[in-house]
Amino acid sequence: MPSELYNQIVSQRGSVENLLSKIPGFKGYMAKDARRSADRMLRERLGSEIDKHIKRYNKIQKDLLDGGKGLRFMSRAREVKSQMQAYHDKVVTAAPKYSGMFEKINITEEILDRIYSFDEAQFRFLLQFDTALDDLQAAVDSGEGVEDALDTVDDIASNAASAFDMRDDEILNIGT
């Protein structure tokens, strides 16, 4: 049974062109021999963008903890960073799922559209990180709402990692 996150990802599907515009040099999955390369390019781009968000988070975390004003958030801030790092590591270390199995399976446009919807969702999560990190910086600067802002960043990282797992499941279940 699909989860709420799964349904949200599939329902917010954009165009293939929208996904392609986010990854320079991306050719897509349409040609069977390009799928593995496309998957690698997608993961490299996502990993790079997530890494930028982690670096930005580190600066905000430093602002939070400098001078002792936010020491009560130290443990929670570390947990959030760990969640973001786990998401990053999952994306960059994921093995390509296209190793010859598509040769025997007829990939329909509907299947490709579902996979693209999960790929596009990863870029929507990056936009959510932008907003959440802006909100976290504002909370740190004002000293108000820090816990909620940390929770939001943590939730985004957790949902993004879950969505990436769903993408893998979708790919691995093709043809079954």
N, C-alpha and C. Protein backbone atom coordinates (compact mmCIF):
# COMPACT_ATOMS: atom_id res chain seq x y z
N MET A 1 0.85 -1.18 0.00
CA MET A 1 0.00 0.00 0.00
C MET A 1 0.90 1.24 0.00
N PRO A 2 0.69 2.13 -0.96
CA PRO A 2 1.51 3.34 -1.03
C PRO A 2 1.30 4.24 0.18
N SER A 3 2.38 4.87 0.60
CA SER A 3 2.33 5.78 1.74
C SER A 3 1.87 7.16 1.28
N GLU A 4 1.63 8.02 2.26
CA GLU A 4 1.24 9.40 1.96
C GLU A 4 2.35 10.11 1.18
N LEU A 5 3.61 9.88 1.58
CA LEU A 5 4.74 10.50 0.89
C LEU A 5 4.80 10.02 -0.56
N TYR A 6 4.60 8.72 -0.78
CA TYR A 6 4.60 8.15 -2.13
C TYR A 6 3.53 8.84 -2.98
N ASN A 7 2.31 8.91 -2.45
CA ASN A 7 1.21 9.53 -3.19
C ASN A 7 1.49 10.99 -3.49
N GLN A 8 2.10 11.69 -2.53
CA GLN A 8 2.43 13.10 -2.73
C GLN A 8 3.44 13.26 -3.86
N ILE A 9 4.44 12.41 -3.88
CA ILE A 9 5.47 12.50 -4.92
C ILE A 9 4.88 12.26 -6.28
N VAL A 10 4.08 11.21 -6.41
CA VAL A 10 3.52 10.86 -7.71
C VAL A 10 2.52 11.92 -8.17
N SER A 11 1.76 12.50 -7.24
CA SER A 11 0.76 13.49 -7.63
C SER A 11 1.38 14.83 -8.03
N GLN A 12 2.59 15.12 -7.56
CA GLN A 12 3.22 16.40 -7.87
C GLN A 12 4.18 16.29 -9.05
N ARG A 13 4.01 15.25 -9.81
CA ARG A 13 4.90 15.00 -10.94
C ARG A 13 4.84 16.16 -11.93
N GLY A 14 6.00 16.60 -12.34
CA GLY A 14 6.10 17.63 -13.37
C GLY A 14 6.48 17.00 -14.69
N SER A 15 6.90 17.79 -15.60
CA SER A 15 7.28 17.28 -16.91
C SER A 15 8.70 16.74 -16.88
N VAL A 16 8.98 15.85 -17.80
CA VAL A 16 10.34 15.32 -17.95
C VAL A 16 11.29 16.48 -18.25
N GLU A 17 10.83 17.42 -19.03
CA GLU A 17 11.67 18.56 -19.38
C GLU A 17 12.05 19.36 -18.13
N ASN A 18 11.13 19.46 -17.18
CA ASN A 18 11.42 20.17 -15.93
C ASN A 18 12.56 19.50 -15.19
N LEU A 19 12.54 18.18 -15.12
CA LEU A 19 13.63 17.45 -14.47
C LEU A 19 14.93 17.65 -15.24
N LEU A 20 14.87 17.50 -16.54
CA LEU A 20 16.07 17.61 -17.36
C LEU A 20 16.72 18.99 -17.24
N SER A 21 15.91 20.01 -17.04
CA SER A 21 16.46 21.36 -16.94
C SER A 21 17.26 21.57 -15.67
N LYS A 22 17.10 20.70 -14.68
CA LYS A 22 17.80 20.85 -13.41
C LYS A 22 19.18 20.21 -13.40
N ILE A 23 19.49 19.41 -14.41
CA ILE A 23 20.75 18.67 -14.42
C ILE A 23 21.49 18.95 -15.72
N PRO A 24 22.53 19.77 -15.68
CA PRO A 24 23.28 20.06 -16.89
C PRO A 24 23.85 18.79 -17.53
N GLY A 25 23.67 18.65 -18.82
CA GLY A 25 24.21 17.51 -19.55
C GLY A 25 23.39 16.24 -19.43
N PHE A 26 22.26 16.29 -18.76
CA PHE A 26 21.44 15.11 -18.52
C PHE A 26 20.70 14.72 -19.79
N LYS A 27 20.82 13.47 -20.19
CA LYS A 27 20.16 12.99 -21.40
C LYS A 27 18.88 12.23 -21.10
N GLY A 28 18.72 11.75 -19.88
CA GLY A 28 17.51 11.04 -19.50
C GLY A 28 17.65 9.54 -19.59
N TYR A 29 16.54 8.86 -19.32
CA TYR A 29 16.54 7.41 -19.27
C TYR A 29 16.00 6.77 -20.55
N MET A 30 15.59 7.54 -21.50
CA MET A 30 14.87 6.98 -22.64
C MET A 30 15.68 5.93 -23.39
N ALA A 31 16.94 6.19 -23.61
CA ALA A 31 17.78 5.20 -24.28
C ALA A 31 18.30 4.24 -23.21
N LYS A 32 18.10 2.95 -23.44
CA LYS A 32 18.49 1.97 -22.43
C LYS A 32 19.95 2.10 -22.04
N ASP A 33 20.82 2.36 -23.00
CA ASP A 33 22.24 2.43 -22.68
C ASP A 33 22.62 3.70 -21.94
N ALA A 34 21.71 4.67 -21.87
CA ALA A 34 21.99 5.93 -21.17
C ALA A 34 21.47 5.93 -19.74
N ARG A 35 20.71 4.92 -19.36
CA ARG A 35 20.08 4.94 -18.03
C ARG A 35 21.08 4.95 -16.89
N ARG A 36 22.08 4.11 -16.97
CA ARG A 36 23.07 4.04 -15.89
C ARG A 36 23.81 5.36 -15.76
N SER A 37 24.20 5.93 -16.88
CA SER A 37 24.89 7.21 -16.88
C SER A 37 23.98 8.31 -16.34
N ALA A 38 22.72 8.29 -16.74
CA ALA A 38 21.77 9.30 -16.27
C ALA A 38 21.56 9.19 -14.77
N ASP A 39 21.47 7.97 -14.26
CA ASP A 39 21.30 7.76 -12.84
C ASP A 39 22.51 8.29 -12.07
N ARG A 40 23.70 8.02 -12.58
CA ARG A 40 24.93 8.50 -11.94
C ARG A 40 24.95 10.03 -11.94
N MET A 41 24.60 10.65 -13.08
CA MET A 41 24.59 12.12 -13.16
C MET A 41 23.60 12.72 -12.17
N LEU A 42 22.44 12.09 -12.07
CA LEU A 42 21.42 12.57 -11.14
C LEU A 42 21.95 12.52 -9.71
N ARG A 43 22.52 11.39 -9.32
CA ARG A 43 23.03 11.23 -7.96
C ARG A 43 24.19 12.18 -7.68
N GLU A 44 25.05 12.39 -8.65
CA GLU A 44 26.17 13.33 -8.46
C GLU A 44 25.65 14.74 -8.25
N ARG A 45 24.69 15.14 -9.05
CA ARG A 45 24.13 16.49 -8.93
C ARG A 45 23.41 16.67 -7.58
N LEU A 46 22.59 15.67 -7.23
CA LEU A 46 21.90 15.73 -5.94
C LEU A 46 22.91 15.79 -4.79
N GLY A 47 23.92 14.92 -4.86
CA GLY A 47 24.93 14.88 -3.81
C GLY A 47 25.63 16.22 -3.65
N SER A 48 25.96 16.84 -4.76
CA SER A 48 26.62 18.14 -4.73
C SER A 48 25.72 19.20 -4.09
N GLU A 49 24.45 19.19 -4.45
CA GLU A 49 23.52 20.18 -3.90
C GLU A 49 23.26 19.93 -2.41
N ILE A 50 23.14 18.66 -2.04
CA ILE A 50 22.94 18.35 -0.62
C ILE A 50 24.16 18.78 0.18
N ASP A 51 25.34 18.55 -0.38
CA ASP A 51 26.57 18.96 0.29
C ASP A 51 26.58 20.47 0.53
N LYS A 52 26.12 21.25 -0.42
CA LYS A 52 26.03 22.71 -0.24
C LYS A 52 25.10 23.05 0.92
N HIS A 53 23.99 22.32 1.01
CA HIS A 53 23.05 22.57 2.11
C HIS A 53 23.66 22.19 3.45
N ILE A 54 24.43 21.12 3.49
CA ILE A 54 25.10 20.72 4.73
C ILE A 54 26.11 21.78 5.15
N LYS A 55 26.87 22.30 4.21
CA LYS A 55 27.83 23.35 4.53
C LYS A 55 27.12 24.60 5.06
N ARG A 56 26.01 24.93 4.44
CA ARG A 56 25.24 26.08 4.92
C ARG A 56 24.70 25.80 6.33
N TYR A 57 24.22 24.61 6.54
CA TYR A 57 23.73 24.23 7.86
C TYR A 57 24.85 24.34 8.90
N ASN A 58 26.05 23.90 8.54
CA ASN A 58 27.19 23.98 9.46
C ASN A 58 27.45 25.42 9.90
N LYS A 59 27.33 26.36 8.98
CA LYS A 59 27.53 27.77 9.32
C LYS A 59 26.43 28.25 10.28
N ILE A 60 25.21 27.85 10.00
CA ILE A 60 24.10 28.24 10.88
C ILE A 60 24.28 27.61 12.25
N GLN A 61 24.68 26.34 12.27
CA GLN A 61 24.92 25.65 13.53
C GLN A 61 26.01 26.36 14.34
N LYS A 62 27.06 26.80 13.67
CA LYS A 62 28.13 27.53 14.34
C LYS A 62 27.58 28.82 14.94
N ASP A 63 26.74 29.54 14.17
CA ASP A 63 26.11 30.76 14.70
C ASP A 63 25.27 30.44 15.94
N LEU A 64 24.58 29.34 15.88
CA LEU A 64 23.71 28.94 17.00
C LEU A 64 24.52 28.65 18.26
N LEU A 65 25.65 27.99 18.10
CA LEU A 65 26.40 27.54 19.27
C LEU A 65 27.47 28.53 19.73
N ASP A 66 27.83 29.49 18.88
CA ASP A 66 28.86 30.48 19.26
C ASP A 66 28.42 31.28 20.48
N GLY A 67 29.34 31.46 21.36
CA GLY A 67 29.09 32.29 22.53
C GLY A 67 28.23 31.62 23.59
N GLY A 68 27.89 30.36 23.37
CA GLY A 68 27.12 29.64 24.38
C GLY A 68 25.64 29.92 24.39
N LYS A 69 25.17 30.82 23.50
CA LYS A 69 23.76 31.19 23.55
C LYS A 69 22.82 30.07 23.14
N GLY A 70 23.32 29.12 22.37
CA GLY A 70 22.45 28.04 21.91
C GLY A 70 22.91 26.67 22.32
N LEU A 71 23.68 26.59 23.38
CA LEU A 71 24.21 25.30 23.81
C LEU A 71 23.12 24.28 24.12
N ARG A 72 21.97 24.75 24.55
CA ARG A 72 20.88 23.81 24.84
C ARG A 72 20.39 23.09 23.59
N PHE A 73 20.76 23.62 22.41
CA PHE A 73 20.35 22.99 21.14
C PHE A 73 21.46 22.11 20.54
N MET A 74 22.58 21.99 21.24
CA MET A 74 23.74 21.29 20.69
C MET A 74 23.40 19.86 20.26
N SER A 75 22.78 19.12 21.11
CA SER A 75 22.46 17.72 20.81
C SER A 75 21.50 17.62 19.63
N ARG A 76 20.46 18.44 19.66
CA ARG A 76 19.46 18.41 18.58
C ARG A 76 20.10 18.85 17.26
N ALA A 77 20.93 19.86 17.30
CA ALA A 77 21.60 20.34 16.09
C ALA A 77 22.48 19.26 15.50
N ARG A 78 23.14 18.50 16.34
CA ARG A 78 23.97 17.38 15.88
C ARG A 78 23.13 16.29 15.22
N GLU A 79 21.99 16.00 15.82
CA GLU A 79 21.08 14.99 15.26
C GLU A 79 20.61 15.40 13.86
N VAL A 80 20.26 16.67 13.71
CA VAL A 80 19.80 17.17 12.42
C VAL A 80 20.91 17.05 11.38
N LYS A 81 22.11 17.44 11.77
CA LYS A 81 23.24 17.32 10.84
C LYS A 81 23.46 15.86 10.45
N SER A 82 23.34 14.96 11.38
CA SER A 82 23.50 13.54 11.09
C SER A 82 22.44 13.06 10.10
N GLN A 83 21.22 13.53 10.26
CA GLN A 83 20.14 13.16 9.34
C GLN A 83 20.43 13.67 7.93
N MET A 84 20.91 14.91 7.84
CA MET A 84 21.26 15.47 6.54
C MET A 84 22.42 14.70 5.91
N GLN A 85 23.42 14.37 6.71
CA GLN A 85 24.58 13.63 6.22
C GLN A 85 24.18 12.23 5.77
N ALA A 86 23.28 11.58 6.51
CA ALA A 86 22.81 10.25 6.13
C ALA A 86 22.09 10.29 4.78
N TYR A 87 21.29 11.31 4.57
CA TYR A 87 20.61 11.49 3.29
C TYR A 87 21.64 11.67 2.18
N HIS A 88 22.61 12.54 2.40
CA HIS A 88 23.67 12.77 1.42
C HIS A 88 24.38 11.47 1.08
N ASP A 89 24.79 10.74 2.11
CA ASP A 89 25.53 9.50 1.90
C ASP A 89 24.70 8.46 1.15
N LYS A 90 23.42 8.41 1.45
CA LYS A 90 22.53 7.47 0.75
C LYS A 90 22.50 7.77 -0.74
N VAL A 91 22.41 9.04 -1.08
CA VAL A 91 22.34 9.43 -2.49
C VAL A 91 23.65 9.17 -3.21
N VAL A 92 24.76 9.56 -2.63
CA VAL A 92 26.03 9.45 -3.35
C VAL A 92 26.59 8.04 -3.37
N THR A 93 26.18 7.19 -2.45
CA THR A 93 26.72 5.83 -2.45
C THR A 93 25.77 4.80 -3.05
N ALA A 94 24.60 5.24 -3.48
CA ALA A 94 23.64 4.30 -4.06
C ALA A 94 24.21 3.70 -5.35
N ALA A 95 24.11 2.41 -5.45
CA ALA A 95 24.57 1.74 -6.66
C ALA A 95 23.53 1.92 -7.75
N PRO A 96 23.98 2.09 -9.00
CA PRO A 96 23.02 2.18 -10.10
C PRO A 96 22.16 0.93 -10.15
N LYS A 97 20.91 1.11 -10.45
CA LYS A 97 19.98 -0.02 -10.46
C LYS A 97 19.67 -0.51 -11.87
N TYR A 98 20.48 -0.09 -12.83
CA TYR A 98 20.16 -0.37 -14.23
C TYR A 98 21.09 -1.39 -14.85
N SER A 99 21.74 -2.21 -14.07
CA SER A 99 22.77 -3.10 -14.57
C SER A 99 22.22 -4.24 -15.41
N GLY A 100 21.79 -3.93 -16.59
CA GLY A 100 21.39 -4.96 -17.53
C GLY A 100 19.99 -5.49 -17.35
N MET A 101 19.34 -5.20 -16.23
CA MET A 101 18.02 -5.79 -16.02
C MET A 101 16.99 -5.23 -16.99
N PHE A 102 17.19 -4.01 -17.48
CA PHE A 102 16.21 -3.43 -18.39
C PHE A 102 16.27 -4.05 -19.78
N GLU A 103 17.31 -4.76 -20.07
CA GLU A 103 17.43 -5.37 -21.38
C GLU A 103 16.28 -6.33 -21.63
N LYS A 104 15.79 -6.98 -20.57
CA LYS A 104 14.75 -7.99 -20.71
C LYS A 104 13.37 -7.46 -20.36
N ILE A 105 13.29 -6.22 -19.90
CA ILE A 105 12.03 -5.67 -19.43
C ILE A 105 11.60 -4.53 -20.36
N ASN A 106 10.35 -4.54 -20.73
CA ASN A 106 9.80 -3.46 -21.54
C ASN A 106 9.43 -2.31 -20.61
N ILE A 107 10.17 -1.23 -20.69
CA ILE A 107 9.92 -0.06 -19.85
C ILE A 107 8.88 0.81 -20.55
N THR A 108 7.74 0.93 -19.91
CA THR A 108 6.68 1.75 -20.50
C THR A 108 6.88 3.21 -20.11
N GLU A 109 6.17 4.07 -20.81
CA GLU A 109 6.24 5.49 -20.50
C GLU A 109 5.70 5.76 -19.09
N GLU A 110 4.71 4.98 -18.67
CA GLU A 110 4.13 5.14 -17.34
C GLU A 110 5.18 4.83 -16.26
N ILE A 111 5.96 3.78 -16.45
CA ILE A 111 7.01 3.42 -15.49
C ILE A 111 8.06 4.52 -15.44
N LEU A 112 8.49 4.99 -16.60
CA LEU A 112 9.47 6.07 -16.63
C LEU A 112 8.94 7.33 -15.97
N ASP A 113 7.66 7.63 -16.19
CA ASP A 113 7.06 8.80 -15.56
C ASP A 113 7.09 8.69 -14.04
N ARG A 114 6.83 7.49 -13.52
CA ARG A 114 6.88 7.32 -12.06
C ARG A 114 8.29 7.52 -11.53
N ILE A 115 9.28 6.97 -12.23
CA ILE A 115 10.66 7.14 -11.80
C ILE A 115 11.06 8.61 -11.87
N TYR A 116 10.67 9.28 -12.96
CA TYR A 116 10.96 10.70 -13.08
C TYR A 116 10.30 11.49 -11.94
N SER A 117 9.10 11.08 -11.53
CA SER A 117 8.44 11.83 -10.45
C SER A 117 9.25 11.74 -9.16
N PHE A 118 9.87 10.60 -8.91
CA PHE A 118 10.72 10.47 -7.71
C PHE A 118 12.00 11.29 -7.87
N ASP A 119 12.55 11.31 -9.07
CA ASP A 119 13.74 12.12 -9.31
C ASP A 119 13.43 13.60 -9.13
N GLU A 120 12.32 14.03 -9.69
CA GLU A 120 11.95 15.43 -9.57
C GLU A 120 11.66 15.80 -8.11
N ALA A 121 11.10 14.86 -7.36
CA ALA A 121 10.82 15.11 -5.94
C ALA A 121 12.10 15.44 -5.19
N GLN A 122 13.21 14.81 -5.56
CA GLN A 122 14.47 15.09 -4.89
C GLN A 122 14.85 16.56 -5.06
N PHE A 123 14.58 17.12 -6.22
CA PHE A 123 14.89 18.54 -6.44
C PHE A 123 13.91 19.44 -5.69
N ARG A 124 12.68 18.99 -5.51
CA ARG A 124 11.74 19.76 -4.68
C ARG A 124 12.21 19.77 -3.23
N PHE A 125 12.77 18.66 -2.77
CA PHE A 125 13.31 18.63 -1.41
C PHE A 125 14.46 19.63 -1.26
N LEU A 126 15.27 19.77 -2.30
CA LEU A 126 16.35 20.76 -2.24
C LEU A 126 15.79 22.17 -2.05
N LEU A 127 14.71 22.48 -2.73
CA LEU A 127 14.07 23.79 -2.56
C LEU A 127 13.51 23.95 -1.15
N GLN A 128 12.97 22.86 -0.61
CA GLN A 128 12.46 22.91 0.77
C GLN A 128 13.61 23.16 1.75
N PHE A 129 14.77 22.56 1.47
CA PHE A 129 15.94 22.82 2.33
C PHE A 129 16.30 24.30 2.30
N ASP A 130 16.26 24.91 1.12
CA ASP A 130 16.57 26.34 1.01
C ASP A 130 15.69 27.15 1.96
N THR A 131 14.40 26.92 1.89
CA THR A 131 13.45 27.65 2.72
C THR A 131 13.66 27.35 4.20
N ALA A 132 13.83 26.06 4.52
CA ALA A 132 14.00 25.67 5.92
C ALA A 132 15.28 26.24 6.51
N LEU A 133 16.33 26.29 5.73
CA LEU A 133 17.59 26.86 6.23
C LEU A 133 17.49 28.37 6.40
N ASP A 134 16.74 29.03 5.49
CA ASP A 134 16.46 30.46 5.68
C ASP A 134 15.73 30.69 7.00
N ASP A 135 14.72 29.85 7.25
CA ASP A 135 13.93 29.97 8.48
C ASP A 135 14.78 29.67 9.71
N LEU A 136 15.66 28.68 9.60
CA LEU A 136 16.53 28.34 10.73
C LEU A 136 17.47 29.51 11.03
N GLN A 137 18.04 30.10 9.99
CA GLN A 137 18.95 31.24 10.21
C GLN A 137 18.20 32.39 10.88
N ALA A 138 16.97 32.64 10.43
CA ALA A 138 16.17 33.71 11.04
C ALA A 138 15.87 33.39 12.51
N ALA A 139 15.58 32.12 12.79
CA ALA A 139 15.30 31.72 14.18
C ALA A 139 16.55 31.87 15.05
N VAL A 140 17.69 31.50 14.52
CA VAL A 140 18.95 31.64 15.27
C VAL A 140 19.22 33.11 15.53
N ASP A 141 19.02 33.94 14.50
CA ASP A 141 19.28 35.37 14.65
C ASP A 141 18.36 36.02 15.68
N SER A 142 17.09 35.58 15.70
CA SER A 142 16.13 36.17 16.64
C SER A 142 16.12 35.48 18.00
N GLY A 143 16.62 34.25 18.03
CA GLY A 143 16.61 33.48 19.27
C GLY A 143 15.26 32.85 19.57
N GLU A 144 14.36 32.88 18.60
CA GLU A 144 13.01 32.33 18.79
C GLU A 144 12.69 31.30 17.72
N GLY A 145 12.06 30.20 18.13
CA GLY A 145 11.60 29.19 17.19
C GLY A 145 12.71 28.27 16.67
N VAL A 146 13.83 28.23 17.37
CA VAL A 146 14.96 27.44 16.90
C VAL A 146 14.61 25.95 16.86
N GLU A 147 13.98 25.46 17.93
CA GLU A 147 13.65 24.02 17.99
C GLU A 147 12.74 23.62 16.83
N ASP A 148 11.71 24.43 16.57
CA ASP A 148 10.81 24.13 15.45
C ASP A 148 11.54 24.17 14.12
N ALA A 149 12.42 25.13 13.95
CA ALA A 149 13.18 25.25 12.70
C ALA A 149 14.11 24.06 12.52
N LEU A 150 14.75 23.60 13.60
CA LEU A 150 15.59 22.40 13.53
C LEU A 150 14.75 21.18 13.16
N ASP A 151 13.56 21.08 13.76
CA ASP A 151 12.66 19.96 13.45
C ASP A 151 12.28 19.95 11.97
N THR A 152 12.05 21.12 11.41
CA THR A 152 11.67 21.20 10.00
C THR A 152 12.80 20.71 9.11
N VAL A 153 14.02 21.14 9.37
CA VAL A 153 15.17 20.67 8.58
C VAL A 153 15.31 19.16 8.71
N ASP A 154 15.17 18.66 9.91
CA ASP A 154 15.27 17.22 10.16
C ASP A 154 14.18 16.46 9.39
N ASP A 155 12.95 16.96 9.43
CA ASP A 155 11.85 16.31 8.72
C ASP A 155 12.09 16.26 7.21
N ILE A 156 12.61 17.34 6.68
CA ILE A 156 12.89 17.37 5.23
C ILE A 156 13.94 16.32 4.88
N ALA A 157 15.01 16.27 5.67
CA ALA A 157 16.06 15.28 5.40
C ALA A 157 15.52 13.86 5.50
N SER A 158 14.70 13.61 6.50
CA SER A 158 14.11 12.28 6.67
C SER A 158 13.18 11.92 5.52
N ASN A 159 12.31 12.85 5.13
CA ASN A 159 11.39 12.59 4.02
C ASN A 159 12.13 12.43 2.70
N ALA A 160 13.17 13.23 2.49
CA ALA A 160 13.95 13.12 1.25
C ALA A 160 14.62 11.75 1.18
N ALA A 161 15.19 11.30 2.29
CA ALA A 161 15.83 9.98 2.31
C ALA A 161 14.80 8.88 2.07
N SER A 162 13.63 9.00 2.67
CA SER A 162 12.57 8.01 2.45
C SER A 162 12.12 8.00 0.99
N ALA A 163 12.01 9.17 0.41
CA ALA A 163 11.61 9.27 -0.99
C ALA A 163 12.67 8.64 -1.89
N PHE A 164 13.94 8.81 -1.54
CA PHE A 164 15.01 8.20 -2.32
C PHE A 164 14.92 6.68 -2.22
N ASP A 165 14.60 6.17 -1.05
CA ASP A 165 14.39 4.73 -0.89
C ASP A 165 13.22 4.25 -1.74
N MET A 166 12.14 5.02 -1.77
CA MET A 166 10.98 4.66 -2.60
C MET A 166 11.36 4.63 -4.07
N ARG A 167 12.21 5.55 -4.49
CA ARG A 167 12.69 5.57 -5.88
C ARG A 167 13.40 4.26 -6.18
N ASP A 168 14.30 3.86 -5.28
CA ASP A 168 15.01 2.59 -5.48
C ASP A 168 14.03 1.42 -5.54
N ASP A 169 13.05 1.41 -4.63
CA ASP A 169 12.05 0.34 -4.64
C ASP A 169 11.29 0.32 -5.96
N GLU A 170 10.94 1.50 -6.45
CA GLU A 170 10.21 1.60 -7.71
C GLU A 170 11.04 0.99 -8.85
N ILE A 171 12.32 1.31 -8.88
CA ILE A 171 13.19 0.78 -9.92
C ILE A 171 13.35 -0.74 -9.78
N LEU A 172 13.57 -1.18 -8.56
CA LEU A 172 13.80 -2.61 -8.35
C LEU A 172 12.55 -3.46 -8.58
N ASN A 173 11.37 -2.84 -8.48
CA ASN A 173 10.13 -3.59 -8.69
C ASN A 173 9.65 -3.59 -10.13
N ILE A 174 10.38 -2.96 -11.02
CA ILE A 174 10.00 -2.96 -12.42
C ILE A 174 10.06 -4.39 -12.94
N GLY A 175 9.01 -4.78 -13.58
CA GLY A 175 8.98 -6.10 -14.19
C GLY A 175 8.58 -7.21 -13.24
N THR A 176 8.26 -6.87 -11.97
CA THR A 176 7.85 -7.93 -11.05
C THR A 176 6.36 -7.99 -10.93
